[in-house]
Amino acid sequence: MHHRFDVDGKSHELWLTRSGSAYRLDLPDGKTHSISLIEDVPGYGRLTVDGLSEPIAFVIDGDTVHIHRAGRAYALKYVDPLIAFATAGDDAGQNVARAPMPGVVVAVKVEEGQAVLAGTVLVVIESMKLETAIRASRDGVVTRIHVKAGDSFDRDVPLVTLSQENV
């Protein structure tokens, strides 16, 4: 499965697949690694990468995992794919909430000209019998609604455009 993590302010995209008791990590440069984390006691464990194991300490705080390894601390933030995809393609001060998958619009929850805060539900979609709320990734004003209830759409279609104005 495709994942994105931010580490020390830098974004990293990778594929992570279950492989027996470990995971297979495929990096964009074509390198592949076998990784696993075994928790010995809460907050402490052993990280094994390609057969080399070392002790680590970690704390999970929501979507962020703080790791202490070999005398250094790292903050590894998981970026939710729906949020990442909804904010992709921003240009010229626009923020376009895009469809993360093909589906049907169940409901449009905002109106053009409406000020919204980050996290506000913009549109509710249904795909493969699951409803998903598409939320504003940041504060802004709805400048255009590209769909209406009942519309079918493909992946990556613009659903709602926000201006960059502060609320």
N, C-alpha and C. Protein backbone atom coordinates (compact mmCIF):
# COMPACT_ATOMS: atom_id res chain seq x y z
N MET A 1 0.84 -1.17 0.00
CA MET A 1 0.00 0.00 0.00
C MET A 1 0.89 1.24 0.00
N HIS A 2 0.49 2.24 -0.76
CA HIS A 2 1.25 3.48 -0.86
C HIS A 2 1.04 4.34 0.38
N HIS A 3 2.14 4.84 0.94
CA HIS A 3 2.08 5.66 2.14
C HIS A 3 2.98 6.88 1.98
N ARG A 4 2.68 7.93 2.76
CA ARG A 4 3.54 9.10 2.81
C ARG A 4 3.80 9.44 4.26
N PHE A 5 5.06 9.69 4.56
CA PHE A 5 5.48 10.08 5.89
C PHE A 5 6.30 11.36 5.80
N ASP A 6 6.14 12.23 6.77
CA ASP A 6 6.99 13.42 6.88
C ASP A 6 7.95 13.18 8.03
N VAL A 7 9.24 13.31 7.74
CA VAL A 7 10.29 13.13 8.74
C VAL A 7 11.13 14.40 8.76
N ASP A 8 11.15 15.06 9.91
CA ASP A 8 11.92 16.29 10.07
C ASP A 8 11.61 17.30 8.96
N GLY A 9 10.33 17.43 8.60
CA GLY A 9 9.91 18.42 7.62
C GLY A 9 10.08 18.00 6.17
N LYS A 10 10.59 16.80 5.92
CA LYS A 10 10.78 16.32 4.55
C LYS A 10 9.82 15.16 4.28
N SER A 11 9.15 15.22 3.13
CA SER A 11 8.15 14.21 2.78
C SER A 11 8.81 13.01 2.10
N HIS A 12 8.37 11.79 2.48
CA HIS A 12 8.87 10.55 1.90
C HIS A 12 7.68 9.69 1.49
N GLU A 13 7.67 9.25 0.21
CA GLU A 13 6.61 8.38 -0.26
C GLU A 13 7.19 6.98 -0.48
N LEU A 14 6.42 5.96 -0.10
CA LEU A 14 6.91 4.60 -0.18
C LEU A 14 5.76 3.62 -0.26
N TRP A 15 6.10 2.38 -0.60
CA TRP A 15 5.12 1.30 -0.60
C TRP A 15 5.47 0.37 0.55
N LEU A 16 4.49 -0.02 1.32
CA LEU A 16 4.67 -0.89 2.47
C LEU A 16 3.72 -2.07 2.33
N THR A 17 4.28 -3.29 2.32
CA THR A 17 3.49 -4.49 2.11
C THR A 17 3.82 -5.51 3.18
N ARG A 18 2.81 -6.16 3.73
CA ARG A 18 3.03 -7.21 4.73
C ARG A 18 3.78 -8.37 4.07
N SER A 19 4.79 -8.90 4.77
CA SER A 19 5.58 -10.01 4.26
C SER A 19 5.91 -10.93 5.43
N GLY A 20 5.06 -11.92 5.68
CA GLY A 20 5.25 -12.81 6.82
C GLY A 20 5.08 -12.04 8.12
N SER A 21 6.07 -12.11 9.01
CA SER A 21 6.00 -11.38 10.28
C SER A 21 6.62 -10.00 10.18
N ALA A 22 7.10 -9.63 8.99
CA ALA A 22 7.74 -8.32 8.79
C ALA A 22 6.97 -7.56 7.71
N TYR A 23 7.56 -6.49 7.23
CA TYR A 23 7.00 -5.71 6.13
C TYR A 23 8.06 -5.54 5.05
N ARG A 24 7.61 -5.42 3.82
CA ARG A 24 8.50 -5.11 2.71
C ARG A 24 8.33 -3.63 2.41
N LEU A 25 9.43 -2.91 2.43
CA LEU A 25 9.44 -1.46 2.22
C LEU A 25 10.06 -1.19 0.86
N ASP A 26 9.28 -0.66 -0.08
CA ASP A 26 9.77 -0.31 -1.41
C ASP A 26 9.89 1.19 -1.52
N LEU A 27 11.11 1.67 -1.78
CA LEU A 27 11.39 3.09 -1.87
C LEU A 27 11.34 3.56 -3.32
N PRO A 28 11.14 4.87 -3.54
CA PRO A 28 11.05 5.40 -4.91
C PRO A 28 12.32 5.16 -5.74
N ASP A 29 13.47 5.01 -5.09
CA ASP A 29 14.72 4.80 -5.84
C ASP A 29 14.89 3.35 -6.28
N GLY A 30 13.89 2.51 -6.01
CA GLY A 30 13.94 1.12 -6.42
C GLY A 30 14.49 0.16 -5.37
N LYS A 31 15.02 0.69 -4.28
CA LYS A 31 15.55 -0.16 -3.22
C LYS A 31 14.41 -0.77 -2.42
N THR A 32 14.62 -2.01 -1.96
CA THR A 32 13.64 -2.73 -1.17
C THR A 32 14.29 -3.19 0.13
N HIS A 33 13.56 -3.07 1.23
CA HIS A 33 14.08 -3.47 2.54
C HIS A 33 13.03 -4.29 3.27
N SER A 34 13.49 -5.19 4.10
CA SER A 34 12.62 -5.93 5.01
C SER A 34 12.72 -5.24 6.36
N ILE A 35 11.57 -4.88 6.95
CA ILE A 35 11.58 -4.20 8.24
C ILE A 35 10.58 -4.83 9.20
N SER A 36 10.89 -4.74 10.48
CA SER A 36 9.94 -5.17 11.50
C SER A 36 10.24 -4.43 12.79
N LEU A 37 9.23 -4.31 13.62
CA LEU A 37 9.37 -3.69 14.93
C LEU A 37 8.70 -4.62 15.94
N ILE A 38 9.48 -5.08 16.89
CA ILE A 38 8.97 -5.93 17.95
C ILE A 38 8.99 -5.13 19.24
N GLU A 39 7.82 -4.95 19.86
CA GLU A 39 7.73 -4.21 21.12
C GLU A 39 8.04 -5.16 22.27
N ASP A 40 9.12 -4.87 23.00
CA ASP A 40 9.50 -5.69 24.16
C ASP A 40 8.62 -5.35 25.37
N VAL A 41 8.57 -4.07 25.70
CA VAL A 41 7.70 -3.53 26.74
C VAL A 41 7.13 -2.24 26.18
N PRO A 42 6.03 -1.74 26.72
CA PRO A 42 5.44 -0.52 26.15
C PRO A 42 6.48 0.61 25.99
N GLY A 43 6.59 1.09 24.73
CA GLY A 43 7.48 2.20 24.43
C GLY A 43 8.92 1.81 24.10
N TYR A 44 9.24 0.53 24.20
CA TYR A 44 10.60 0.07 23.89
C TYR A 44 10.53 -1.20 23.06
N GLY A 45 11.44 -1.30 22.09
CA GLY A 45 11.44 -2.49 21.26
C GLY A 45 12.69 -2.59 20.43
N ARG A 46 12.62 -3.47 19.42
CA ARG A 46 13.75 -3.71 18.52
C ARG A 46 13.28 -3.48 17.09
N LEU A 47 13.99 -2.59 16.40
CA LEU A 47 13.73 -2.32 14.99
C LEU A 47 14.72 -3.15 14.19
N THR A 48 14.20 -3.95 13.27
CA THR A 48 15.06 -4.78 12.43
C THR A 48 14.89 -4.34 10.98
N VAL A 49 16.00 -3.98 10.34
CA VAL A 49 16.01 -3.58 8.93
C VAL A 49 17.02 -4.47 8.21
N ASP A 50 16.54 -5.23 7.24
CA ASP A 50 17.39 -6.14 6.47
C ASP A 50 18.24 -7.04 7.37
N GLY A 51 17.63 -7.54 8.43
CA GLY A 51 18.31 -8.48 9.32
C GLY A 51 19.15 -7.85 10.41
N LEU A 52 19.39 -6.54 10.36
CA LEU A 52 20.16 -5.85 11.39
C LEU A 52 19.19 -5.25 12.40
N SER A 53 19.36 -5.62 13.67
CA SER A 53 18.43 -5.23 14.71
C SER A 53 19.09 -4.27 15.70
N GLU A 54 18.31 -3.29 16.17
CA GLU A 54 18.81 -2.37 17.18
C GLU A 54 17.66 -1.92 18.08
N PRO A 55 17.99 -1.57 19.33
CA PRO A 55 16.94 -1.14 20.26
C PRO A 55 16.48 0.29 19.94
N ILE A 56 15.18 0.52 20.14
CA ILE A 56 14.64 1.87 19.99
C ILE A 56 13.64 2.13 21.11
N ALA A 57 13.40 3.40 21.35
CA ALA A 57 12.31 3.84 22.23
C ALA A 57 11.35 4.62 21.35
N PHE A 58 10.05 4.52 21.62
CA PHE A 58 9.09 5.23 20.78
C PHE A 58 7.85 5.62 21.57
N VAL A 59 7.23 6.68 21.10
CA VAL A 59 5.96 7.16 21.66
C VAL A 59 5.05 7.47 20.48
N ILE A 60 3.83 6.96 20.53
CA ILE A 60 2.86 7.22 19.47
C ILE A 60 1.92 8.32 19.96
N ASP A 61 1.84 9.40 19.16
CA ASP A 61 1.01 10.55 19.49
C ASP A 61 0.14 10.86 18.27
N GLY A 62 -1.02 10.23 18.19
CA GLY A 62 -1.90 10.43 17.03
C GLY A 62 -1.25 9.87 15.78
N ASP A 63 -1.05 10.73 14.76
CA ASP A 63 -0.43 10.31 13.50
C ASP A 63 1.08 10.44 13.52
N THR A 64 1.64 10.81 14.66
CA THR A 64 3.09 11.00 14.76
C THR A 64 3.69 9.97 15.70
N VAL A 65 4.79 9.37 15.25
CA VAL A 65 5.54 8.44 16.09
C VAL A 65 6.89 9.10 16.37
N HIS A 66 7.20 9.29 17.64
CA HIS A 66 8.49 9.86 18.05
C HIS A 66 9.40 8.68 18.36
N ILE A 67 10.54 8.63 17.66
CA ILE A 67 11.47 7.51 17.79
C ILE A 67 12.81 8.03 18.30
N HIS A 68 13.37 7.31 19.28
CA HIS A 68 14.73 7.60 19.76
C HIS A 68 15.57 6.40 19.38
N ARG A 69 16.55 6.63 18.48
CA ARG A 69 17.37 5.54 17.95
C ARG A 69 18.82 6.01 17.85
N ALA A 70 19.72 5.24 18.40
CA ALA A 70 21.16 5.50 18.30
C ALA A 70 21.51 6.93 18.70
N GLY A 71 20.90 7.41 19.78
CA GLY A 71 21.23 8.73 20.29
C GLY A 71 20.56 9.89 19.57
N ARG A 72 19.70 9.61 18.58
CA ARG A 72 19.00 10.68 17.85
C ARG A 72 17.50 10.49 17.99
N ALA A 73 16.80 11.60 17.94
CA ALA A 73 15.34 11.58 18.01
C ALA A 73 14.77 11.94 16.64
N TYR A 74 13.70 11.24 16.27
CA TYR A 74 13.03 11.48 14.99
C TYR A 74 11.53 11.59 15.25
N ALA A 75 10.88 12.46 14.49
CA ALA A 75 9.42 12.54 14.51
C ALA A 75 8.93 12.07 13.14
N LEU A 76 8.21 10.97 13.11
CA LEU A 76 7.72 10.35 11.89
C LEU A 76 6.22 10.57 11.85
N LYS A 77 5.76 11.45 10.95
CA LYS A 77 4.33 11.79 10.87
C LYS A 77 3.71 11.09 9.67
N TYR A 78 2.69 10.29 9.93
CA TYR A 78 1.95 9.63 8.86
C TYR A 78 1.00 10.65 8.24
N VAL A 79 1.00 10.76 6.91
CA VAL A 79 0.11 11.68 6.21
C VAL A 79 -1.05 10.87 5.63
N ASP A 80 -2.25 11.13 6.12
CA ASP A 80 -3.44 10.43 5.67
C ASP A 80 -3.58 10.59 4.16
N PRO A 81 -3.75 9.48 3.40
CA PRO A 81 -3.82 9.58 1.95
C PRO A 81 -4.98 10.43 1.44
N LEU A 82 -6.11 10.43 2.12
CA LEU A 82 -7.24 11.26 1.66
C LEU A 82 -6.91 12.74 1.80
N ILE A 83 -6.26 13.12 2.90
CA ILE A 83 -5.88 14.52 3.09
C ILE A 83 -4.80 14.91 2.09
N ALA A 84 -3.82 14.04 1.92
CA ALA A 84 -2.73 14.33 0.98
C ALA A 84 -3.28 14.48 -0.43
N PHE A 85 -4.19 13.58 -0.82
CA PHE A 85 -4.74 13.63 -2.17
C PHE A 85 -5.64 14.85 -2.36
N ALA A 86 -6.40 15.20 -1.33
CA ALA A 86 -7.31 16.34 -1.43
C ALA A 86 -6.55 17.64 -1.61
N THR A 87 -5.32 17.72 -1.12
CA THR A 87 -4.56 18.96 -1.24
C THR A 87 -3.61 18.95 -2.42
N ALA A 88 -3.54 17.83 -3.16
CA ALA A 88 -2.67 17.77 -4.34
C ALA A 88 -3.23 18.66 -5.43
N GLY A 89 -2.35 19.20 -6.24
CA GLY A 89 -2.79 19.99 -7.38
C GLY A 89 -3.13 21.42 -7.07
N ASP A 90 -2.79 21.90 -5.88
CA ASP A 90 -3.04 23.31 -5.55
C ASP A 90 -2.21 24.17 -6.48
N ASP A 91 -2.80 25.24 -7.02
CA ASP A 91 -2.02 26.17 -7.83
C ASP A 91 -2.69 27.52 -7.80
N ALA A 92 -1.90 28.56 -8.02
CA ALA A 92 -2.38 29.94 -8.10
C ALA A 92 -3.31 30.29 -6.94
N GLY A 93 -2.92 29.92 -5.73
CA GLY A 93 -3.71 30.28 -4.56
C GLY A 93 -4.98 29.49 -4.39
N GLN A 94 -5.15 28.45 -5.16
CA GLN A 94 -6.36 27.63 -5.08
C GLN A 94 -6.07 26.37 -4.27
N ASN A 95 -7.07 25.86 -3.63
CA ASN A 95 -6.97 24.57 -2.95
C ASN A 95 -8.15 23.76 -3.45
N VAL A 96 -7.86 22.74 -4.21
CA VAL A 96 -8.90 21.94 -4.83
C VAL A 96 -9.03 20.62 -4.08
N ALA A 97 -10.20 20.38 -3.50
CA ALA A 97 -10.48 19.08 -2.88
C ALA A 97 -10.86 18.15 -4.02
N ARG A 98 -10.08 17.09 -4.22
CA ARG A 98 -10.28 16.17 -5.33
C ARG A 98 -10.78 14.82 -4.84
N ALA A 99 -11.41 14.10 -5.74
CA ALA A 99 -11.94 12.77 -5.42
C ALA A 99 -10.78 11.79 -5.25
N PRO A 100 -10.69 11.13 -4.10
CA PRO A 100 -9.61 10.17 -3.88
C PRO A 100 -9.84 8.84 -4.59
N MET A 101 -11.08 8.62 -5.08
CA MET A 101 -11.45 7.37 -5.74
C MET A 101 -12.72 7.64 -6.54
N PRO A 102 -13.06 6.81 -7.51
CA PRO A 102 -14.32 7.01 -8.23
C PRO A 102 -15.51 6.75 -7.31
N GLY A 103 -16.63 7.40 -7.60
CA GLY A 103 -17.81 7.17 -6.77
C GLY A 103 -18.98 8.04 -7.18
N VAL A 104 -19.87 8.29 -6.20
CA VAL A 104 -21.07 9.08 -6.39
C VAL A 104 -21.16 10.09 -5.25
N VAL A 105 -21.61 11.31 -5.57
CA VAL A 105 -21.80 12.33 -4.55
C VAL A 105 -23.09 12.03 -3.79
N VAL A 106 -22.96 11.88 -2.47
CA VAL A 106 -24.13 11.64 -1.62
C VAL A 106 -24.74 12.98 -1.21
N ALA A 107 -23.88 13.93 -0.81
CA ALA A 107 -24.38 15.23 -0.36
C ALA A 107 -23.28 16.29 -0.49
N VAL A 108 -23.69 17.49 -0.81
CA VAL A 108 -22.79 18.65 -0.80
C VAL A 108 -23.16 19.43 0.45
N LYS A 109 -22.20 19.65 1.33
CA LYS A 109 -22.48 20.23 2.65
C LYS A 109 -22.16 21.72 2.75
N VAL A 110 -21.68 22.34 1.65
CA VAL A 110 -21.31 23.75 1.68
C VAL A 110 -21.94 24.47 0.49
N GLU A 111 -21.86 25.79 0.52
CA GLU A 111 -22.35 26.61 -0.59
C GLU A 111 -21.24 27.53 -1.06
N GLU A 112 -21.28 27.93 -2.32
CA GLU A 112 -20.29 28.88 -2.83
C GLU A 112 -20.37 30.17 -2.01
N GLY A 113 -19.20 30.72 -1.68
CA GLY A 113 -19.13 31.93 -0.88
C GLY A 113 -19.06 31.68 0.62
N GLN A 114 -19.28 30.43 1.03
CA GLN A 114 -19.26 30.08 2.45
C GLN A 114 -17.83 29.99 2.96
N ALA A 115 -17.58 30.61 4.12
CA ALA A 115 -16.29 30.49 4.79
C ALA A 115 -16.26 29.15 5.53
N VAL A 116 -15.14 28.43 5.41
CA VAL A 116 -15.00 27.14 6.08
C VAL A 116 -13.68 27.09 6.83
N LEU A 117 -13.66 26.30 7.87
CA LEU A 117 -12.45 26.07 8.65
C LEU A 117 -11.87 24.71 8.27
N ALA A 118 -10.59 24.53 8.49
CA ALA A 118 -9.96 23.23 8.23
C ALA A 118 -10.75 22.16 8.97
N GLY A 119 -11.05 21.08 8.28
CA GLY A 119 -11.81 19.98 8.88
C GLY A 119 -13.29 20.02 8.58
N THR A 120 -13.80 21.12 8.04
CA THR A 120 -15.21 21.22 7.69
C THR A 120 -15.54 20.23 6.58
N VAL A 121 -16.64 19.50 6.72
CA VAL A 121 -17.06 18.56 5.67
C VAL A 121 -17.57 19.38 4.49
N LEU A 122 -16.97 19.14 3.32
CA LEU A 122 -17.36 19.83 2.09
C LEU A 122 -18.37 19.00 1.30
N VAL A 123 -18.04 17.72 1.12
CA VAL A 123 -18.84 16.82 0.30
C VAL A 123 -18.79 15.44 0.94
N VAL A 124 -19.89 14.71 0.84
CA VAL A 124 -19.91 13.31 1.27
C VAL A 124 -20.03 12.48 0.00
N ILE A 125 -19.11 11.52 -0.16
CA ILE A 125 -19.13 10.67 -1.35
C ILE A 125 -19.33 9.22 -0.93
N GLU A 126 -19.74 8.41 -1.91
CA GLU A 126 -19.86 6.97 -1.67
C GLU A 126 -19.06 6.26 -2.74
N SER A 127 -18.26 5.31 -2.29
CA SER A 127 -17.48 4.50 -3.20
C SER A 127 -17.41 3.09 -2.62
N MET A 128 -17.73 2.11 -3.42
CA MET A 128 -17.74 0.71 -2.99
C MET A 128 -18.56 0.52 -1.72
N LYS A 129 -19.72 1.17 -1.67
CA LYS A 129 -20.69 1.08 -0.58
C LYS A 129 -20.19 1.68 0.74
N LEU A 130 -19.11 2.47 0.69
CA LEU A 130 -18.61 3.16 1.88
C LEU A 130 -18.73 4.66 1.69
N GLU A 131 -19.28 5.34 2.68
CA GLU A 131 -19.36 6.79 2.62
C GLU A 131 -18.09 7.40 3.20
N THR A 132 -17.61 8.47 2.55
CA THR A 132 -16.41 9.17 2.98
C THR A 132 -16.71 10.67 2.97
N ALA A 133 -16.37 11.34 4.06
CA ALA A 133 -16.52 12.78 4.14
C ALA A 133 -15.23 13.42 3.61
N ILE A 134 -15.36 14.28 2.61
CA ILE A 134 -14.22 15.02 2.09
C ILE A 134 -14.21 16.35 2.83
N ARG A 135 -13.13 16.61 3.56
CA ARG A 135 -13.04 17.77 4.43
C ARG A 135 -12.08 18.82 3.89
N ALA A 136 -12.30 20.06 4.31
CA ALA A 136 -11.39 21.15 3.95
C ALA A 136 -10.04 20.90 4.61
N SER A 137 -8.98 21.02 3.85
CA SER A 137 -7.64 20.78 4.39
C SER A 137 -7.10 22.01 5.11
N ARG A 138 -7.76 23.15 4.91
CA ARG A 138 -7.35 24.40 5.57
C ARG A 138 -8.51 25.37 5.56
N ASP A 139 -8.36 26.47 6.25
CA ASP A 139 -9.36 27.52 6.26
C ASP A 139 -9.44 28.16 4.87
N GLY A 140 -10.62 28.62 4.49
CA GLY A 140 -10.78 29.29 3.20
C GLY A 140 -12.23 29.61 2.93
N VAL A 141 -12.49 30.06 1.71
CA VAL A 141 -13.85 30.38 1.27
C VAL A 141 -14.13 29.52 0.04
N VAL A 142 -15.31 28.90 0.01
CA VAL A 142 -15.69 28.06 -1.12
C VAL A 142 -15.91 28.95 -2.33
N THR A 143 -15.08 28.77 -3.36
CA THR A 143 -15.22 29.58 -4.57
C THR A 143 -15.95 28.85 -5.68
N ARG A 144 -15.90 27.50 -5.65
CA ARG A 144 -16.60 26.76 -6.68
C ARG A 144 -16.92 25.35 -6.19
N ILE A 145 -18.14 24.92 -6.47
CA ILE A 145 -18.54 23.54 -6.21
C ILE A 145 -18.69 22.89 -7.58
N HIS A 146 -17.91 21.85 -7.82
CA HIS A 146 -17.84 21.22 -9.14
C HIS A 146 -18.85 20.10 -9.33
N VAL A 147 -19.53 19.66 -8.26
CA VAL A 147 -20.44 18.52 -8.32
C VAL A 147 -21.74 18.83 -7.59
N LYS A 148 -22.73 17.96 -7.80
CA LYS A 148 -23.98 18.06 -7.04
C LYS A 148 -24.39 16.66 -6.62
N ALA A 149 -25.28 16.56 -5.66
CA ALA A 149 -25.74 15.26 -5.15
C ALA A 149 -26.22 14.41 -6.32
N GLY A 150 -25.78 13.14 -6.33
CA GLY A 150 -26.18 12.21 -7.37
C GLY A 150 -25.19 12.09 -8.52
N ASP A 151 -24.26 13.05 -8.63
CA ASP A 151 -23.26 12.99 -9.70
C ASP A 151 -22.31 11.83 -9.49
N SER A 152 -21.96 11.16 -10.58
CA SER A 152 -20.89 10.16 -10.57
C SER A 152 -19.61 10.86 -10.96
N PHE A 153 -18.48 10.35 -10.50
CA PHE A 153 -17.20 10.98 -10.81
C PHE A 153 -16.10 9.95 -10.81
N ASP A 154 -14.98 10.30 -11.44
CA ASP A 154 -13.79 9.45 -11.47
C ASP A 154 -12.79 9.95 -10.44
N ARG A 155 -11.76 9.16 -10.22
CA ARG A 155 -10.68 9.53 -9.31
C ARG A 155 -10.01 10.81 -9.83
N ASP A 156 -9.63 11.68 -8.92
CA ASP A 156 -8.88 12.91 -9.18
C ASP A 156 -9.73 14.05 -9.74
N VAL A 157 -11.05 13.87 -9.83
CA VAL A 157 -11.93 14.93 -10.30
C VAL A 157 -12.05 16.00 -9.22
N PRO A 158 -11.99 17.30 -9.59
CA PRO A 158 -12.20 18.35 -8.58
C PRO A 158 -13.61 18.29 -8.03
N LEU A 159 -13.74 18.39 -6.71
CA LEU A 159 -15.05 18.39 -6.07
C LEU A 159 -15.41 19.80 -5.61
N VAL A 160 -14.50 20.43 -4.86
CA VAL A 160 -14.74 21.78 -4.32
C VAL A 160 -13.42 22.55 -4.38
N THR A 161 -13.52 23.83 -4.77
CA THR A 161 -12.34 24.69 -4.78
C THR A 161 -12.49 25.74 -3.70
N LEU A 162 -11.42 25.91 -2.91
CA LEU A 162 -11.37 26.93 -1.86
C LEU A 162 -10.42 28.04 -2.29
N SER A 163 -10.73 29.26 -1.90
CA SER A 163 -9.79 30.35 -2.12
C SER A 163 -8.78 30.33 -0.98
N GLN A 164 -7.75 31.13 -1.14
CA GLN A 164 -6.71 31.17 -0.11
C GLN A 164 -7.02 32.19 0.96
N GLU A 165 -8.16 32.85 0.87
CA GLU A 165 -8.53 33.86 1.84
C GLU A 165 -8.61 33.29 3.24
N ASN A 166 -8.21 34.07 4.21
CA ASN A 166 -8.33 33.64 5.60
C ASN A 166 -9.74 33.85 6.09
N VAL A 167 -10.18 32.98 6.95
CA VAL A 167 -11.54 33.06 7.49
C VAL A 167 -11.51 33.89 8.74
